[in-house]
Amino acid sequence: MTGLGIAFRIGTELVAGVVMGTGIGYFLDRWLHTGPWLMVVFFFLGSAAGILSVYRATSRMGRRKNENEP
């Protein structure tokens, strides 16, 4: 993968986690009439999931780079 491809992948994974978490929270709020509370909770859960995904992707890149070095 090129540097640009890696950057797009990491950015997409982070944004997707936040958008999915917020979307799930929004629809649960509308369904359960709980106000913005579930959206806020799921926003933070989605953010954490996105950050974890970025961390895993970058740690895999570091391991591959170290394996190729003598």
PDB file of N, CA and C in Angstrom:
ATOM      1  N   MET A   1       0.826  -1.184   0.000  1.00  0.00           N
ATOM      2  CA  MET A   1       0.000   0.000   0.000  1.00  0.00           C
ATOM      3  C   MET A   1       0.871   1.249   0.000  1.00  0.00           C
ATOM      4  N   THR A   2       0.382   2.255  -0.648  1.00  0.00           N
ATOM      5  CA  THR A   2       1.104   3.521  -0.666  1.00  0.00           C
ATOM      6  C   THR A   2       0.728   4.337   0.561  1.00  0.00           C
ATOM      7  N   GLY A   3       1.462   5.385   0.788  1.00  0.00           N
ATOM      8  CA  GLY A   3       1.181   6.257   1.920  1.00  0.00           C
ATOM      9  C   GLY A   3      -0.181   6.914   1.825  1.00  0.00           C
ATOM     10  N   LEU A   4      -0.562   7.305   0.628  1.00  0.00           N
ATOM     11  CA  LEU A   4      -1.863   7.933   0.436  1.00  0.00           C
ATOM     12  C   LEU A   4      -2.994   6.936   0.700  1.00  0.00           C
ATOM     13  N   GLY A   5      -2.826   5.704   0.265  1.00  0.00           N
ATOM     14  CA  GLY A   5      -3.829   4.672   0.515  1.00  0.00           C
ATOM     15  C   GLY A   5      -3.998   4.384   1.990  1.00  0.00           C
ATOM     16  N   ILE A   6      -2.891   4.346   2.709  1.00  0.00           N
ATOM     17  CA  ILE A   6      -2.942   4.115   4.146  1.00  0.00           C
ATOM     18  C   ILE A   6      -3.638   5.279   4.846  1.00  0.00           C
ATOM     19  N   ALA A   7      -3.337   6.496   4.419  1.00  0.00           N
ATOM     20  CA  ALA A   7      -3.963   7.674   5.024  1.00  0.00           C
ATOM     21  C   ALA A   7      -5.470   7.672   4.796  1.00  0.00           C
ATOM     22  N   PHE A   8      -5.918   7.328   3.592  1.00  0.00           N
ATOM     23  CA  PHE A   8      -7.350   7.276   3.317  1.00  0.00           C
ATOM     24  C   PHE A   8      -8.018   6.175   4.130  1.00  0.00           C
ATOM     25  N   ARG A   9      -7.354   5.045   4.269  1.00  0.00           N
ATOM     26  CA  ARG A   9      -7.925   3.935   5.031  1.00  0.00           C
ATOM     27  C   ARG A   9      -8.096   4.322   6.491  1.00  0.00           C
ATOM     28  N   ILE A  10      -7.064   4.905   7.072  1.00  0.00           N
ATOM     29  CA  ILE A  10      -7.124   5.277   8.480  1.00  0.00           C
ATOM     30  C   ILE A  10      -8.183   6.358   8.705  1.00  0.00           C
ATOM     31  N   GLY A  11      -8.222   7.344   7.828  1.00  0.00           N
ATOM     32  CA  GLY A  11      -9.233   8.396   7.950  1.00  0.00           C
ATOM     33  C   GLY A  11     -10.640   7.856   7.798  1.00  0.00           C
ATOM     34  N   THR A  12     -10.825   6.958   6.860  1.00  0.00           N
ATOM     35  CA  THR A  12     -12.145   6.376   6.630  1.00  0.00           C
ATOM     36  C   THR A  12     -12.588   5.543   7.814  1.00  0.00           C
ATOM     37  N   GLU A  13     -11.697   4.769   8.396  1.00  0.00           N
ATOM     38  CA  GLU A  13     -12.056   3.942   9.546  1.00  0.00           C
ATOM     39  C   GLU A  13     -12.436   4.801  10.743  1.00  0.00           C
ATOM     40  N   LEU A  14     -11.728   5.885  10.949  1.00  0.00           N
ATOM     41  CA  LEU A  14     -12.035   6.762  12.070  1.00  0.00           C
ATOM     42  C   LEU A  14     -13.386   7.440  11.877  1.00  0.00           C
ATOM     43  N   VAL A  15     -13.618   7.991  10.708  1.00  0.00           N
ATOM     44  CA  VAL A  15     -14.878   8.682  10.431  1.00  0.00           C
ATOM     45  C   VAL A  15     -16.049   7.698  10.449  1.00  0.00           C
ATOM     46  N   ALA A  16     -15.855   6.510   9.920  1.00  0.00           N
ATOM     47  CA  ALA A  16     -16.930   5.520   9.888  1.00  0.00           C
ATOM     48  C   ALA A  16     -17.355   5.120  11.302  1.00  0.00           C
ATOM     49  N   GLY A  17     -16.408   4.972  12.197  1.00  0.00           N
ATOM     50  CA  GLY A  17     -16.761   4.635  13.581  1.00  0.00           C
ATOM     51  C   GLY A  17     -17.589   5.712  14.240  1.00  0.00           C
ATOM     52  N   VAL A  18     -17.196   6.965  14.044  1.00  0.00           N
ATOM     53  CA  VAL A  18     -17.930   8.080  14.643  1.00  0.00           C
ATOM     54  C   VAL A  18     -19.321   8.203  14.025  1.00  0.00           C
ATOM     55  N   VAL A  19     -19.419   8.113  12.707  1.00  0.00           N
ATOM     56  CA  VAL A  19     -20.704   8.261  12.025  1.00  0.00           C
ATOM     57  C   VAL A  19     -21.653   7.119  12.401  1.00  0.00           C
ATOM     58  N   MET A  20     -21.148   5.895  12.419  1.00  0.00           N
ATOM     59  CA  MET A  20     -22.013   4.765  12.765  1.00  0.00           C
ATOM     60  C   MET A  20     -22.483   4.850  14.216  1.00  0.00           C
ATOM     61  N   GLY A  21     -21.602   5.180  15.117  1.00  0.00           N
ATOM     62  CA  GLY A  21     -22.006   5.309  16.518  1.00  0.00           C
ATOM     63  C   GLY A  21     -23.040   6.395  16.722  1.00  0.00           C
ATOM     64  N   THR A  22     -22.811   7.547  16.109  1.00  0.00           N
ATOM     65  CA  THR A  22     -23.759   8.648  16.236  1.00  0.00           C
ATOM     66  C   THR A  22     -25.095   8.301  15.581  1.00  0.00           C
ATOM     67  N   GLY A  23     -25.051   7.652  14.438  1.00  0.00           N
ATOM     68  CA  GLY A  23     -26.282   7.266  13.751  1.00  0.00           C
ATOM     69  C   GLY A  23     -27.101   6.274  14.551  1.00  0.00           C
ATOM     70  N   ILE A  24     -26.445   5.282  15.114  1.00  0.00           N
ATOM     71  CA  ILE A  24     -27.158   4.303  15.937  1.00  0.00           C
ATOM     72  C   ILE A  24     -27.785   4.988  17.144  1.00  0.00           C
ATOM     73  N   GLY A  25     -27.022   5.860  17.791  1.00  0.00           N
ATOM     74  CA  GLY A  25     -27.565   6.589  18.936  1.00  0.00           C
ATOM     75  C   GLY A  25     -28.731   7.483  18.570  1.00  0.00           C
ATOM     76  N   TYR A  26     -28.645   8.131  17.425  1.00  0.00           N
ATOM     77  CA  TYR A  26     -29.727   9.011  16.967  1.00  0.00           C
ATOM     78  C   TYR A  26     -31.014   8.214  16.741  1.00  0.00           C
ATOM     79  N   PHE A  27     -30.902   7.087  16.044  1.00  0.00           N
ATOM     80  CA  PHE A  27     -32.101   6.304  15.767  1.00  0.00           C
ATOM     81  C   PHE A  27     -32.667   5.650  17.033  1.00  0.00           C
ATOM     82  N   LEU A  28     -31.801   5.253  17.948  1.00  0.00           N
ATOM     83  CA  LEU A  28     -32.310   4.724  19.218  1.00  0.00           C
ATOM     84  C   LEU A  28     -33.002   5.817  20.026  1.00  0.00           C
ATOM     85  N   ASP A  29     -32.467   7.027  20.014  1.00  0.00           N
ATOM     86  CA  ASP A  29     -33.118   8.148  20.692  1.00  0.00           C
ATOM     87  C   ASP A  29     -34.498   8.427  20.118  1.00  0.00           C
ATOM     88  N   ARG A  30     -34.610   8.419  18.812  1.00  0.00           N
ATOM     89  CA  ARG A  30     -35.916   8.675  18.187  1.00  0.00           C
ATOM     90  C   ARG A  30     -36.901   7.552  18.505  1.00  0.00           C
ATOM     91  N   TRP A  31     -36.424   6.322  18.543  1.00  0.00           N
ATOM     92  CA  TRP A  31     -37.287   5.185  18.784  1.00  0.00           C
ATOM     93  C   TRP A  31     -37.738   5.124  20.246  1.00  0.00           C
ATOM     94  N   LEU A  32     -36.813   5.390  21.176  1.00  0.00           N
ATOM     95  CA  LEU A  32     -37.101   5.272  22.602  1.00  0.00           C
ATOM     96  C   LEU A  32     -37.484   6.594  23.265  1.00  0.00           C
ATOM     97  N   HIS A  33     -37.425   7.709  22.515  1.00  0.00           N
ATOM     98  CA  HIS A  33     -37.760   9.053  23.028  1.00  0.00           C
ATOM     99  C   HIS A  33     -36.926   9.387  24.271  1.00  0.00           C
ATOM    100  N   THR A  34     -35.628   9.216  24.157  1.00  0.00           N
ATOM    101  CA  THR A  34     -34.744   9.458  25.305  1.00  0.00           C
ATOM    102  C   THR A  34     -33.943  10.745  25.185  1.00  0.00           C
ATOM    103  N   GLY A  35     -34.258  11.585  24.228  1.00  0.00           N
ATOM    104  CA  GLY A  35     -33.505  12.819  24.070  1.00  0.00           C
ATOM    105  C   GLY A  35     -32.138  12.548  23.470  1.00  0.00           C
ATOM    106  N   PRO A  36     -31.204  13.410  23.708  1.00  0.00           N
ATOM    107  CA  PRO A  36     -29.902  13.215  23.057  1.00  0.00           C
ATOM    108  C   PRO A  36     -28.962  12.267  23.798  1.00  0.00           C
ATOM    109  N   TRP A  37     -29.438  11.594  24.840  1.00  0.00           N
ATOM    110  CA  TRP A  37     -28.528  10.843  25.702  1.00  0.00           C
ATOM    111  C   TRP A  37     -27.896   9.640  25.015  1.00  0.00           C
ATOM    112  N   LEU A  38     -28.671   8.864  24.322  1.00  0.00           N
ATOM    113  CA  LEU A  38     -28.097   7.699  23.658  1.00  0.00           C
ATOM    114  C   LEU A  38     -27.185   8.103  22.497  1.00  0.00           C
ATOM    115  N   MET A  39     -27.513   9.204  21.840  1.00  0.00           N
ATOM    116  CA  MET A  39     -26.658   9.674  20.760  1.00  0.00           C
ATOM    117  C   MET A  39     -25.286  10.076  21.312  1.00  0.00           C
ATOM    118  N   VAL A  40     -25.279  10.718  22.459  1.00  0.00           N
ATOM    119  CA  VAL A  40     -24.007  11.112  23.076  1.00  0.00           C
ATOM    120  C   VAL A  40     -23.206   9.880  23.492  1.00  0.00           C
ATOM    121  N   VAL A  41     -23.875   8.914  24.103  1.00  0.00           N
ATOM    122  CA  VAL A  41     -23.193   7.694  24.543  1.00  0.00           C
ATOM    123  C   VAL A  41     -22.618   6.948  23.341  1.00  0.00           C
ATOM    124  N   PHE A  42     -23.431   6.779  22.294  1.00  0.00           N
ATOM    125  CA  PHE A  42     -22.962   6.043  21.128  1.00  0.00           C
ATOM    126  C   PHE A  42     -21.947   6.835  20.315  1.00  0.00           C
ATOM    127  N   PHE A  43     -21.969   8.175  20.409  1.00  0.00           N
ATOM    128  CA  PHE A  43     -20.922   8.969  19.779  1.00  0.00           C
ATOM    129  C   PHE A  43     -19.566   8.617  20.390  1.00  0.00           C
ATOM    130  N   PHE A  44     -19.519   8.549  21.714  1.00  0.00           N
ATOM    131  CA  PHE A  44     -18.260   8.215  22.372  1.00  0.00           C
ATOM    132  C   PHE A  44     -17.852   6.765  22.124  1.00  0.00           C
ATOM    133  N   LEU A  45     -18.829   5.861  22.094  1.00  0.00           N
ATOM    134  CA  LEU A  45     -18.504   4.474  21.777  1.00  0.00           C
ATOM    135  C   LEU A  45     -17.988   4.336  20.344  1.00  0.00           C
ATOM    136  N   GLY A  46     -18.599   5.040  19.398  1.00  0.00           N
ATOM    137  CA  GLY A  46     -18.133   5.018  18.016  1.00  0.00           C
ATOM    138  C   GLY A  46     -16.756   5.638  17.873  1.00  0.00           C
ATOM    139  N   SER A  47     -16.514   6.713  18.626  1.00  0.00           N
ATOM    140  CA  SER A  47     -15.193   7.335  18.598  1.00  0.00           C
ATOM    141  C   SER A  47     -14.130   6.387  19.137  1.00  0.00           C
ATOM    142  N   ALA A  48     -14.449   5.711  20.214  1.00  0.00           N
ATOM    143  CA  ALA A  48     -13.503   4.741  20.779  1.00  0.00           C
ATOM    144  C   ALA A  48     -13.257   3.596  19.808  1.00  0.00           C
ATOM    145  N   ALA A  49     -14.304   3.127  19.141  1.00  0.00           N
ATOM    146  CA  ALA A  49     -14.138   2.046  18.174  1.00  0.00           C
ATOM    147  C   ALA A  49     -13.281   2.497  16.992  1.00  0.00           C
ATOM    148  N   GLY A  50     -13.489   3.726  16.535  1.00  0.00           N
ATOM    149  CA  GLY A  50     -12.683   4.257  15.435  1.00  0.00           C
ATOM    150  C   GLY A  50     -11.221   4.402  15.817  1.00  0.00           C
ATOM    151  N   ILE A  51     -10.971   4.891  17.010  1.00  0.00           N
ATOM    152  CA  ILE A  51      -9.593   5.049  17.473  1.00  0.00           C
ATOM    153  C   ILE A  51      -8.929   3.691  17.656  1.00  0.00           C
ATOM    154  N   LEU A  52      -9.660   2.720  18.173  1.00  0.00           N
ATOM    155  CA  LEU A  52      -9.115   1.367  18.316  1.00  0.00           C
ATOM    156  C   LEU A  52      -8.784   0.763  16.958  1.00  0.00           C
ATOM    157  N   SER A  53      -9.631   1.001  15.987  1.00  0.00           N
ATOM    158  CA  SER A  53      -9.384   0.490  14.643  1.00  0.00           C
ATOM    159  C   SER A  53      -8.137   1.124  14.040  1.00  0.00           C
ATOM    160  N   VAL A  54      -7.970   2.421  14.233  1.00  0.00           N
ATOM    161  CA  VAL A  54      -6.776   3.109  13.735  1.00  0.00           C
ATOM    162  C   VAL A  54      -5.534   2.587  14.451  1.00  0.00           C
ATOM    163  N   TYR A  55      -5.629   2.368  15.745  1.00  0.00           N
ATOM    164  CA  TYR A  55      -4.494   1.842  16.507  1.00  0.00           C
ATOM    165  C   TYR A  55      -4.075   0.466  16.002  1.00  0.00           C
ATOM    166  N   ARG A  56      -5.053  -0.391  15.769  1.00  0.00           N
ATOM    167  CA  ARG A  56      -4.739  -1.730  15.267  1.00  0.00           C
ATOM    168  C   ARG A  56      -4.108  -1.678  13.885  1.00  0.00           C
ATOM    169  N   ALA A  57      -4.622  -0.818  13.030  1.00  0.00           N
ATOM    170  CA  ALA A  57      -4.070  -0.714  11.673  1.00  0.00           C
ATOM    171  C   ALA A  57      -2.627  -0.207  11.708  1.00  0.00           C
ATOM    172  N   THR A  58      -2.351   0.793  12.535  1.00  0.00           N
ATOM    173  CA  THR A  58      -0.996   1.338  12.590  1.00  0.00           C
ATOM    174  C   THR A  58      -0.031   0.379  13.282  1.00  0.00           C
ATOM    175  N   SER A  59      -0.510  -0.382  14.264  1.00  0.00           N
ATOM    176  CA  SER A  59       0.395  -1.329  14.925  1.00  0.00           C
ATOM    177  C   SER A  59       0.741  -2.482  13.983  1.00  0.00           C
ATOM    178  N   ARG A  60      -0.189  -2.885  13.130  1.00  0.00           N
ATOM    179  CA  ARG A  60       0.117  -3.925  12.137  1.00  0.00           C
ATOM    180  C   ARG A  60       1.158  -3.431  11.144  1.00  0.00           C
ATOM    181  N   MET A  61       1.078  -2.159  10.765  1.00  0.00           N
ATOM    182  CA  MET A  61       2.061  -1.614   9.824  1.00  0.00           C
ATOM    183  C   MET A  61       3.435  -1.598  10.452  1.00  0.00           C
ATOM    184  N   GLY A  62       3.524  -1.269  11.742  1.00  0.00           N
ATOM    185  CA  GLY A  62       4.808  -1.260  12.425  1.00  0.00           C
ATOM    186  C   GLY A  62       5.424  -2.640  12.516  1.00  0.00           C
ATOM    187  N   ARG A  63       4.613  -3.663  12.764  1.00  0.00           N
ATOM    188  CA  ARG A  63       5.128  -5.032  12.843  1.00  0.00           C
ATOM    189  C   ARG A  63       5.633  -5.503  11.491  1.00  0.00           C
ATOM    190  N   ARG A  64       4.899  -5.188  10.424  1.00  0.00           N
ATOM    191  CA  ARG A  64       5.342  -5.605   9.092  1.00  0.00           C
ATOM    192  C   ARG A  64       6.652  -4.941   8.721  1.00  0.00           C
ATOM    193  N   LYS A  65       6.791  -3.685   9.090  1.00  0.00           N
ATOM    194  CA  LYS A  65       8.019  -2.973   8.767  1.00  0.00           C
ATOM    195  C   LYS A  65       9.203  -3.584   9.517  1.00  0.00           C
ATOM    196  N   ASN A  66       9.014  -3.952  10.784  1.00  0.00           N
ATOM    197  CA  ASN A  66      10.082  -4.554  11.567  1.00  0.00           C
ATOM    198  C   ASN A  66      10.442  -5.949  11.076  1.00  0.00           C
ATOM    199  N   GLU A  67       9.480  -6.691  10.540  1.00  0.00           N
ATOM    200  CA  GLU A  67       9.762  -8.025  10.040  1.00  0.00           C
ATOM    201  C   GLU A  67      10.617  -7.977   8.784  1.00  0.00           C
ATOM    202  N   ASN A  68      10.505  -6.922   7.981  1.00  0.00           N
ATOM    203  CA  ASN A  68      11.264  -6.805   6.730  1.00  0.00           C
ATOM    204  C   ASN A  68      12.690  -6.351   6.967  1.00  0.00           C
ATOM    205  N   GLU A  69      12.972  -5.757   8.122  1.00  0.00           N
ATOM    206  CA  GLU A  69      14.325  -5.280   8.396  1.00  0.00           C
ATOM    207  C   GLU A  69      15.197  -6.447   8.849  1.00  0.00           C
ATOM    208  N   PRO A  70      16.490  -6.424   8.509  1.00  0.00           N
ATOM    209  CA  PRO A  70      17.394  -7.528   8.926  1.00  0.00           C
ATOM    210  C   PRO A  70      17.690  -7.506  10.403  1.00  0.00           C
TER     211      PRO A  70
END
